[in-house]
Protein backbone atom coordinates (compact mmCIF):
# COMPACT_ATOMS: atom_id res chain seq x y z
CA MET A 1 0.26 0.09 0.25
CA ALA A 2 1.32 3.54 -1.21
CA SER A 3 1.70 5.70 1.78
CA GLY A 4 2.53 9.72 2.02
CA PRO A 5 2.03 12.60 -0.12
CA GLY A 6 2.36 10.39 -3.60
CA ALA A 7 -0.43 8.04 -2.45
CA GLY A 8 -3.86 10.06 -3.26
CA SER A 9 -2.12 13.46 -4.44
CA LEU A 10 0.30 14.71 -6.35
CA PRO A 11 3.23 16.96 -5.54
CA ARG A 12 3.18 21.07 -5.55
CA GLU A 13 6.30 20.93 -8.21
CA VAL A 14 3.99 18.93 -10.45
CA TRP A 15 1.24 21.09 -9.88
CA VAL A 16 3.47 24.15 -10.27
CA ILE A 17 4.42 22.35 -14.26
CA VAL A 18 0.44 22.03 -15.06
CA ALA A 19 -0.20 26.07 -14.70
CA ALA A 20 2.36 26.29 -16.64
CA ASN A 21 1.55 24.42 -19.15
CA PHE A 22 -1.42 26.00 -19.50
CA VAL A 23 0.15 29.31 -20.19
CA ILE A 24 2.22 27.61 -23.19
CA ALA A 25 -0.61 26.42 -24.42
CA VAL A 26 -2.86 29.98 -24.41
CA GLY A 27 0.11 31.63 -26.66
CA PHE A 28 0.27 28.59 -28.86
CA GLY A 29 -3.53 29.01 -28.82
CA LEU A 30 -3.50 32.37 -29.79
CA VAL A 31 -0.93 31.71 -32.70
CA ALA A 32 -2.55 27.95 -34.67
CA PRO A 33 -5.46 30.12 -36.14
CA ALA A 34 -3.30 32.94 -36.96
CA LEU A 35 0.02 30.81 -38.68
CA PRO A 36 -1.64 29.84 -41.84
CA GLY A 37 -3.24 33.23 -42.55
CA PHE A 38 -0.04 35.24 -41.89
CA ALA A 39 1.79 32.54 -43.97
CA ARG A 40 -0.75 33.25 -46.34
CA SER A 41 -0.44 36.99 -46.46
CA PHE A 42 2.88 36.86 -47.99
CA ASP A 43 1.46 35.28 -51.25
CA VAL A 44 1.83 31.80 -50.87
CA GLY A 45 0.21 28.49 -51.98
CA VAL A 46 -0.94 25.93 -49.46
CA ALA A 47 1.94 23.97 -49.49
CA ALA A 48 3.96 26.83 -48.44
CA ALA A 49 2.03 28.44 -45.72
CA SER A 50 2.12 25.09 -44.48
CA VAL A 51 6.24 24.77 -44.66
CA VAL A 52 5.75 27.39 -41.88
CA VAL A 53 4.08 24.36 -39.34
CA SER A 54 6.74 22.05 -40.68
CA ALA A 55 9.24 24.57 -39.18
CA PHE A 56 9.33 24.18 -36.20
CA ALA A 57 8.72 20.99 -35.72
CA PHE A 58 11.81 19.88 -38.22
CA SER A 59 14.11 21.77 -35.48
CA ARG A 60 12.28 20.25 -32.84
CA LEU A 61 13.55 17.10 -34.62
CA VAL A 62 16.87 18.12 -35.39
CA PHE A 63 17.45 19.37 -31.65
CA ALA A 64 15.75 16.39 -29.99
CA PRO A 65 18.73 14.02 -29.69
CA LEU A 66 20.71 17.65 -28.06
CA SER A 67 17.80 18.20 -25.95
CA GLY A 68 17.61 14.60 -24.06
CA ARG A 69 21.22 15.16 -23.78
CA LEU A 70 21.14 18.45 -22.16
CA VAL A 71 18.48 17.61 -19.70
CA THR A 72 20.67 14.50 -18.66
CA ARG A 73 23.28 16.95 -18.24
CA LEU A 74 21.99 20.54 -16.71
CA GLY A 75 19.21 19.07 -15.70
CA GLU A 76 15.43 19.25 -15.92
CA ARG A 77 14.53 22.81 -14.43
CA ARG A 78 17.55 24.53 -16.29
CA VAL A 79 17.00 23.42 -20.21
CA TYR A 80 13.35 23.72 -19.44
CA LEU A 81 13.30 27.44 -18.33
CA ILE A 82 16.31 28.55 -21.15
CA GLY A 83 14.25 26.62 -24.04
CA LEU A 84 11.03 28.84 -22.53
CA GLY A 85 13.42 31.80 -23.18
CA ILE A 86 13.92 31.18 -26.71
CA VAL A 87 10.47 30.41 -27.92
CA ALA A 88 9.75 33.93 -26.27
CA VAL A 89 12.37 35.76 -27.70
CA THR A 90 11.74 34.26 -31.26
CA THR A 91 7.74 34.50 -31.12
CA GLY A 92 7.75 38.22 -30.25
CA GLY A 93 10.23 38.39 -33.30
CA CYS A 94 7.50 36.74 -35.63
CA ALA A 95 5.47 39.47 -34.86
CA LEU A 96 8.11 41.89 -36.65
CA ALA A 97 8.78 39.34 -39.71
CA GLY A 98 9.19 41.49 -42.56
CA ALA A 99 8.78 38.33 -45.28
CA TYR A 100 8.02 34.98 -45.61
CA TRP A 101 11.24 33.57 -44.82
CA HIS A 102 11.43 35.69 -41.76
CA LEU A 103 8.53 34.14 -40.58
CA VAL A 104 10.11 30.58 -41.72
CA ALA A 105 13.45 31.31 -39.36
CA LEU A 106 12.51 32.64 -36.80
CA ARG A 107 9.86 29.35 -36.43
CA ALA A 108 13.04 27.18 -37.05
CA VAL A 109 14.27 28.59 -33.93
CA GLY A 110 11.90 28.20 -32.18
CA GLY A 111 11.62 25.02 -32.50
CA ILE A 112 14.95 24.76 -31.04
CA GLY A 113 13.64 25.95 -27.84
CA SER A 114 10.22 23.95 -27.94
CA THR A 115 11.56 20.60 -28.07
CA MET A 116 14.01 21.48 -25.26
CA PHE A 117 10.83 22.71 -22.54
CA THR A 118 8.85 19.83 -23.94
CA VAL A 119 11.55 17.11 -23.40
CA SER A 120 12.31 18.84 -19.77
CA GLY A 121 8.93 19.59 -18.77
CA ILE A 122 7.93 15.56 -19.65
CA ALA A 123 10.92 14.28 -17.78
CA LEU A 124 10.29 16.34 -14.65
CA LEU A 125 6.46 15.13 -14.79
CA ILE A 126 7.73 11.61 -14.67
CA HIS A 127 10.40 11.96 -12.26
CA LEU A 128 8.45 13.82 -9.45
CA THR A 129 5.01 11.56 -10.11
CA PRO A 130 4.23 8.47 -7.88
CA GLN A 131 4.43 5.70 -10.67
CA HIS A 132 0.35 4.69 -9.53
CA LEU A 133 -0.38 8.18 -10.45
CA ARG A 134 1.29 8.42 -13.61
CA GLY A 135 -1.94 8.37 -15.81
CA ARG A 136 -3.92 10.92 -13.61
CA ALA A 137 -0.90 13.08 -14.04
CA SER A 138 -0.57 12.92 -17.51
CA GLY A 139 -3.89 13.53 -18.09
CA LEU A 140 -3.35 16.69 -15.67
CA TRP A 141 -1.03 18.08 -18.08
CA GLY A 142 -2.25 17.26 -21.35
CA THR A 143 -5.68 18.90 -19.73
CA SER A 144 -4.21 21.81 -19.11
CA PHE A 145 -2.50 22.24 -22.36
CA LEU A 146 -6.26 21.24 -23.81
CA LEU A 147 -7.73 24.31 -21.97
CA GLY A 148 -4.73 26.94 -22.87
CA THR A 149 -6.08 26.04 -26.50
CA VAL A 150 -9.47 26.13 -25.84
CA ALA A 151 -9.42 29.16 -24.69
CA GLY A 152 -6.51 30.54 -26.49
CA PRO A 153 -7.52 30.12 -30.38
CA LEU A 154 -11.17 32.21 -28.96
CA VAL A 155 -8.96 34.96 -28.50
CA GLY A 156 -6.99 34.63 -31.40
CA GLY A 157 -9.17 34.65 -33.02
CA GLY A 158 -10.34 38.29 -31.77
CA LEU A 159 -6.55 39.23 -32.33
CA VAL A 160 -6.22 38.06 -35.70
CA LYS A 161 -9.11 40.47 -36.72
CA ILE A 162 -7.19 43.44 -35.59
CA SER A 163 -3.87 42.09 -36.49
CA PHE A 164 -1.91 38.54 -37.99
CA ARG A 165 1.18 39.47 -35.77
CA ALA A 166 -0.89 40.80 -32.96
CA PRO A 167 -1.27 36.67 -31.49
CA PHE A 168 2.39 36.23 -31.58
CA LEU A 169 3.44 39.45 -29.44
CA VAL A 170 0.63 38.23 -26.16
CA TYR A 171 2.20 34.25 -26.90
CA ALA A 172 5.48 35.53 -26.04
CA VAL A 173 4.64 38.05 -23.31
CA ALA A 174 2.56 34.61 -21.59
CA LEU A 175 5.70 32.67 -22.22
CA VAL A 176 7.43 35.00 -20.28
CA VAL A 177 4.90 35.02 -17.53
CA ALA A 178 5.68 31.13 -17.50
CA ILE A 179 9.64 32.20 -17.53
CA GLY A 180 8.76 33.36 -14.54
CA LEU A 181 6.03 30.83 -12.36
CA VAL A 182 8.08 28.12 -12.92
CA TRP A 183 11.41 29.77 -11.99
CA LEU A 184 10.01 31.68 -8.94
CA LEU A 185 8.38 28.49 -7.32
CA LEU A 186 10.35 26.07 -8.00
CA ARG A 187 14.30 27.09 -7.27
CA ARG A 188 13.71 25.93 -3.63
CA SER A 189 12.16 22.45 -4.15
CA THR A 190 13.63 19.45 -3.02
CA LEU A 191 12.06 17.17 -5.15
CA ILE A 192 14.31 18.91 -7.83
CA THR A 193 18.22 17.49 -7.73
CA THR A 194 20.82 18.27 -8.89
CA THR A 195 21.77 16.04 -12.08
CA GLY A 196 24.26 13.36 -11.00
CA SER A 197 24.24 14.31 -7.11
CA ASP A 198 21.34 11.59 -6.51
CA GLY A 199 23.18 8.43 -8.20
CA THR A 200 19.74 7.79 -10.55
CA ALA A 201 20.49 5.42 -13.35
CA VAL A 202 20.13 6.06 -16.72
CA ALA A 203 17.69 4.98 -19.22
CA PRO A 204 19.67 3.41 -22.15
CA LEU A 205 17.86 3.64 -25.46
CA ARG A 206 18.51 0.50 -26.46
CA ASP A 207 16.92 -1.09 -23.80
CA ALA A 208 14.06 1.15 -24.76
CA LEU A 209 14.33 0.10 -28.36
CA ARG A 210 13.63 -3.55 -27.45
CA ASP A 211 9.98 -2.79 -25.36
CA SER A 212 7.39 -3.38 -27.99
CA GLY A 213 5.20 -0.75 -25.36
CA TYR A 214 7.37 1.54 -26.40
CA ARG A 215 7.80 0.96 -30.21
CA ALA A 216 4.00 1.35 -30.37
CA ALA A 217 3.82 4.51 -28.50
CA LEU A 218 6.74 5.74 -31.41
CA VAL A 219 4.26 4.30 -34.02
CA SER A 220 0.85 5.97 -32.28
CA ASN A 221 2.87 9.53 -31.64
CA PHE A 222 4.20 9.84 -35.10
CA SER A 223 0.20 9.47 -36.03
CA THR A 224 -0.57 11.73 -33.70
CA GLY A 225 2.39 14.66 -34.30
CA TRP A 226 0.61 13.95 -38.23
CA ALA A 227 -2.69 14.65 -37.31
CA VAL A 228 -2.78 17.23 -33.83
CA TYR A 229 0.55 18.90 -33.98
CA GLY A 230 0.48 18.66 -38.01
CA VAL A 231 -2.60 18.56 -40.55
CA ARG A 232 -5.16 20.10 -37.57
CA VAL A 233 -2.79 23.24 -37.38
CA SER A 234 -2.25 23.68 -40.82
CA LEU A 235 -5.10 22.49 -42.89
CA VAL A 236 -7.97 23.34 -40.47
CA PRO A 237 -7.64 26.62 -40.70
CA LEU A 238 -7.65 27.04 -44.57
CA PHE A 239 -10.25 24.25 -44.85
CA VAL A 240 -13.05 26.54 -43.53
CA THR A 241 -11.63 29.61 -45.13
CA GLU A 242 -11.80 27.67 -48.66
CA VAL A 243 -14.48 25.21 -48.27
CA LEU A 244 -16.77 25.78 -45.94
CA HIS A 245 -16.32 29.29 -47.12
CA ARG A 246 -16.47 30.60 -43.57
CA LYS A 247 -14.27 33.45 -42.05
CA PRO A 248 -10.95 33.28 -40.98
CA GLU A 249 -11.35 33.78 -37.33
CA PHE A 250 -13.97 30.85 -37.66
CA ALA A 251 -11.08 28.59 -37.86
CA GLY A 252 -10.45 29.67 -34.09
CA THR A 253 -13.66 28.26 -33.04
CA ALA A 254 -13.00 25.19 -34.38
CA LEU A 255 -9.78 24.41 -32.90
CA ALA A 256 -11.33 25.46 -29.77
CA VAL A 257 -13.98 22.75 -30.44
CA PHE A 258 -11.32 20.07 -31.26
CA ALA A 259 -9.65 20.97 -27.52
CA ALA A 260 -12.81 21.19 -25.77
CA GLY A 261 -13.77 17.06 -27.12
CA ASN A 262 -9.82 17.08 -25.87
CA VAL A 263 -10.43 18.38 -22.59
CA LEU A 264 -13.39 16.24 -22.10
CA MET A 265 -11.53 12.93 -21.66
CA LEU A 266 -7.99 13.72 -20.67
CA LEU A 267 -8.60 13.02 -16.66
CA VAL A 268 -11.33 10.28 -17.48
CA SER A 269 -8.85 8.69 -19.42
CA GLY A 270 -6.22 9.22 -17.70
CA ARG A 271 -7.10 7.72 -14.05
CA LEU A 272 -8.86 4.60 -16.08
CA SER A 273 -5.69 3.91 -17.59
CA ASP A 274 -3.73 4.07 -13.77
CA ARG A 275 -6.72 1.30 -13.26
CA TRP A 276 -7.45 -0.72 -16.90
CA GLY A 277 -4.32 -0.82 -18.03
CA ARG A 278 -2.41 1.87 -20.61
CA LYS A 279 -3.47 -0.49 -23.97
CA PRO A 280 -7.09 -0.76 -24.17
CA LEU A 281 -7.23 3.15 -23.66
CA ILE A 282 -4.67 3.98 -26.76
CA LEU A 283 -6.63 1.37 -28.54
CA MET A 284 -9.67 3.35 -28.16
CA GLY A 285 -8.49 6.68 -28.72
CA LEU A 286 -6.69 5.71 -31.67
CA GLY A 287 -9.43 3.83 -32.97
CA VAL A 288 -12.45 7.15 -32.48
CA SER A 289 -9.51 10.00 -33.53
CA SER A 290 -9.25 7.57 -36.67
CA ALA A 291 -12.86 8.37 -37.42
CA GLY A 292 -13.08 11.93 -35.98
CA THR A 293 -10.25 12.84 -38.44
CA ILE A 294 -11.90 10.85 -41.77
CA TRP A 295 -14.49 12.14 -41.25
CA PHE A 296 -13.46 15.79 -41.46
CA GLY A 297 -13.05 15.69 -45.41
CA LEU A 298 -16.25 14.40 -45.69
CA ALA A 299 -18.22 16.84 -43.89
CA GLY A 300 -19.93 19.68 -46.46
CA THR A 301 -21.86 21.96 -44.18
CA VAL A 302 -19.96 23.44 -40.50
CA PRO A 303 -22.03 21.25 -38.29
CA GLU A 304 -21.70 18.65 -39.21
CA PHE A 305 -17.73 19.76 -39.42
CA LEU A 306 -17.76 20.49 -35.90
CA VAL A 307 -19.25 17.14 -34.91
CA ALA A 308 -16.51 15.37 -36.98
CA THR A 309 -13.97 18.06 -34.83
CA VAL A 310 -15.39 16.56 -31.69
CA VAL A 311 -15.18 13.14 -32.34
CA ALA A 312 -11.60 13.78 -33.19
CA GLY A 313 -10.49 16.14 -30.28
CA LEU A 314 -12.34 13.05 -28.20
CA GLY A 315 -10.61 10.28 -29.44
CA THR A 316 -7.04 11.90 -29.27
CA GLY A 317 -7.98 12.90 -25.47
CA LEU A 318 -8.77 9.15 -24.92
CA LEU A 319 -5.16 8.39 -26.64
CA THR A 320 -2.44 11.57 -25.41
CA PRO A 321 -2.50 10.26 -21.42
CA PRO A 322 -1.60 6.13 -21.54
CA GLN A 323 0.34 7.20 -24.40
CA GLN A 324 2.50 9.32 -22.20
CA ALA A 325 1.74 6.74 -19.44
CA ALA A 326 3.48 3.84 -20.91
CA VAL A 327 6.36 6.06 -22.53
CA ALA A 328 6.87 6.32 -18.34
CA ASP A 329 6.82 2.80 -16.87
CA VAL A 330 9.14 1.87 -20.23
CA ILE A 331 11.53 4.64 -18.02
CA GLY A 332 10.34 3.31 -14.69
CA THR A 333 12.34 5.34 -12.26
CA ALA A 334 15.45 6.07 -14.50
CA ARG A 335 16.34 9.27 -16.40
CA GLY A 336 15.60 8.55 -20.00
CA GLY A 337 16.03 12.04 -21.72
CA GLN A 338 17.07 10.49 -24.32
CA VAL A 339 14.27 8.10 -24.79
CA LEU A 340 11.88 11.27 -24.03
CA ALA A 341 13.49 13.08 -26.88
CA VAL A 342 13.33 10.58 -29.26
CA PHE A 343 9.63 9.60 -27.75
CA GLN A 344 9.19 13.50 -28.48
CA MET A 345 10.91 12.98 -32.34
CA ALA A 346 8.37 10.68 -33.62
CA ALA A 347 5.39 13.03 -33.14
CA ASP A 348 8.06 15.92 -34.74
CA VAL A 349 8.68 13.63 -37.73
CA GLY A 350 4.47 13.34 -38.35
CA ALA A 351 4.07 17.36 -37.86
CA ILE A 352 6.72 17.58 -40.19
CA VAL A 353 5.56 15.01 -42.71
CA GLY A 354 2.34 15.74 -42.77
CA PRO A 355 1.47 19.17 -43.64
CA LEU A 356 3.39 18.65 -46.40
CA ALA A 357 2.28 15.61 -47.36
CA ALA A 358 -1.50 16.75 -46.57
CA GLY A 359 -0.93 20.59 -48.09
CA LEU A 360 -0.39 18.72 -51.38
CA LEU A 361 -2.48 16.28 -51.31
CA ALA A 362 -5.39 18.92 -50.88
CA ASP A 363 -3.64 21.32 -53.90
CA ARG A 364 -3.49 18.14 -56.15
CA LEU A 365 -6.62 16.52 -55.31
CA THR A 366 -9.22 17.27 -52.20
CA PHE A 367 -9.25 18.04 -48.64
CA GLY A 368 -11.35 14.88 -48.10
CA TRP A 369 -8.36 12.90 -49.42
CA ALA A 370 -5.53 15.16 -46.96
CA PHE A 371 -7.59 14.08 -43.75
CA ALA A 372 -8.65 10.40 -45.19
CA VAL A 373 -5.22 9.60 -45.37
CA THR A 374 -4.00 11.06 -41.60
CA GLY A 375 -7.22 9.08 -40.22
CA GLY A 376 -5.89 6.13 -42.16
CA LEU A 377 -2.15 6.38 -40.36
CA ALA A 378 -4.31 5.86 -36.67
CA ALA A 379 -5.64 2.93 -37.79
CA VAL A 380 -2.22 1.37 -38.69
CA ALA A 381 -0.74 3.08 -35.38
CA ALA A 382 -4.01 0.67 -33.75
CA LEU A 383 -2.53 -1.67 -35.97
CA VAL A 384 0.43 -1.94 -34.51
CA TRP A 385 -0.51 -1.59 -30.94
CA LEU A 386 -2.58 -5.02 -31.71
CA PRO A 387 0.34 -6.90 -30.43
CA ALA A 388 2.24 -4.96 -27.58
CA ARG A 389 2.41 -5.41 -24.49
CA GLU A 390 1.12 -3.81 -21.35
CA THR A 391 3.12 -1.65 -19.77
CA LEU A 392 1.30 -0.47 -16.64
CA PRO A 393 3.21 -2.63 -13.37
CA ALA A 394 0.85 -3.60 -11.85
CA ARG A 395 -0.41 -5.81 -15.39
CA ARG A 396 2.79 -6.41 -17.21
CA GLU A 397 4.31 -9.59 -16.93
CA ARG A 398 7.21 -10.26 -14.77
CA SER A 399 8.60 -11.70 -18.51
CA HIS A 400 8.71 -7.86 -19.38
CA PRO A 401 10.30 -5.64 -16.94
CA THR A 402 11.12 -2.00 -17.46
CA THR A 403 14.34 -0.15 -18.50
CA GLN A 404 15.10 0.42 -15.25
CA GLU A 405 14.38 -3.35 -13.69
CA ARG A 406 17.05 -4.77 -16.68
CA VAL A 407 19.68 -2.10 -15.62
CA ALA A 408 19.07 -3.16 -11.96
CA SER A 409 19.29 -6.69 -12.69
CA GLU A 410 22.34 -6.18 -15.33
CA ALA A 411 24.70 -3.80 -12.59
CA GLN A 412 23.60 -6.76 -10.22
CA ASN A 413 25.29 -9.29 -12.06
């Protein structure tokens, strides 16, 4: 029986980074509806507008391995704050962009900071959360981000009426607020140890790659990156204006509806995954997400499109907490900077390829084909998860130990 603070409640530090995640997400939600339209304002096509999204993800991908090493050497908190600072500066710079390539370059540099605070933030969450509460913590982490993306697009849609540049300025300010919040409240934490001072083992990436649960998580995170971080941001706003013939600010409403569907499921999914296991929730989430995404491209009216958006959001909400908790299960109590970095890279590859491939499909065929391919990838990920192992410690077979258990066993031998 677990006892102490971790038995039924999360540490204060977890709530701090969850709150910071909300502030970050509000800013992200401000920018998302404006980004494709801002790029198009420089007289470029749909595919070129999608490159702005892909440039951000490409930098995250390239820098992710180094981010994992920095987390191991410098510590989660320091890397987190530096990453936030880089994104704050480059986002403010986007508001001053005078040409299309300025926007692409600034977003690319911003991607470096983004992967730093993403990898270190998840590492902090895993490091601070008791094992039996990981699903709940992942649900709170996801909920804070999605609540921010509910509020962000609504405000961002209004800011777009003023100027495409206004959301970037507000986002930069939001990031400065997040930096101050984390620095002030975590600077004296006794739970965040100095790297290397506590003798904690490092989870080898090669061991994680031998784990079927981790490999399946890489595939499902790739499909999530393609759909949620790539296609949803780059194509949904354009679908709203060019197919549904609504004003650009309605894109903010559409993204908020998607986020609301996520929020409805995130906390429920996280808690259930701590009881039932990670795999059942992941499979359900992939199936629902696939159906909703394909429905996007078939929608011919605004009400139908919004219903499909809710369905896709519910599916992503089912999937996200157990998927992240599964990776945490594989890492165990070790420091897993590299393991987390590769997991994040899978989403970034999807976020790079997704907007480019889907943008070309939309340009040369139809938006329907773009969304059909995107939804089909989630179905493929579900097939990969079917033979994968259950990672929840209470349910896994003892013949499939975690990475940390394997490291400890090798050390003893």
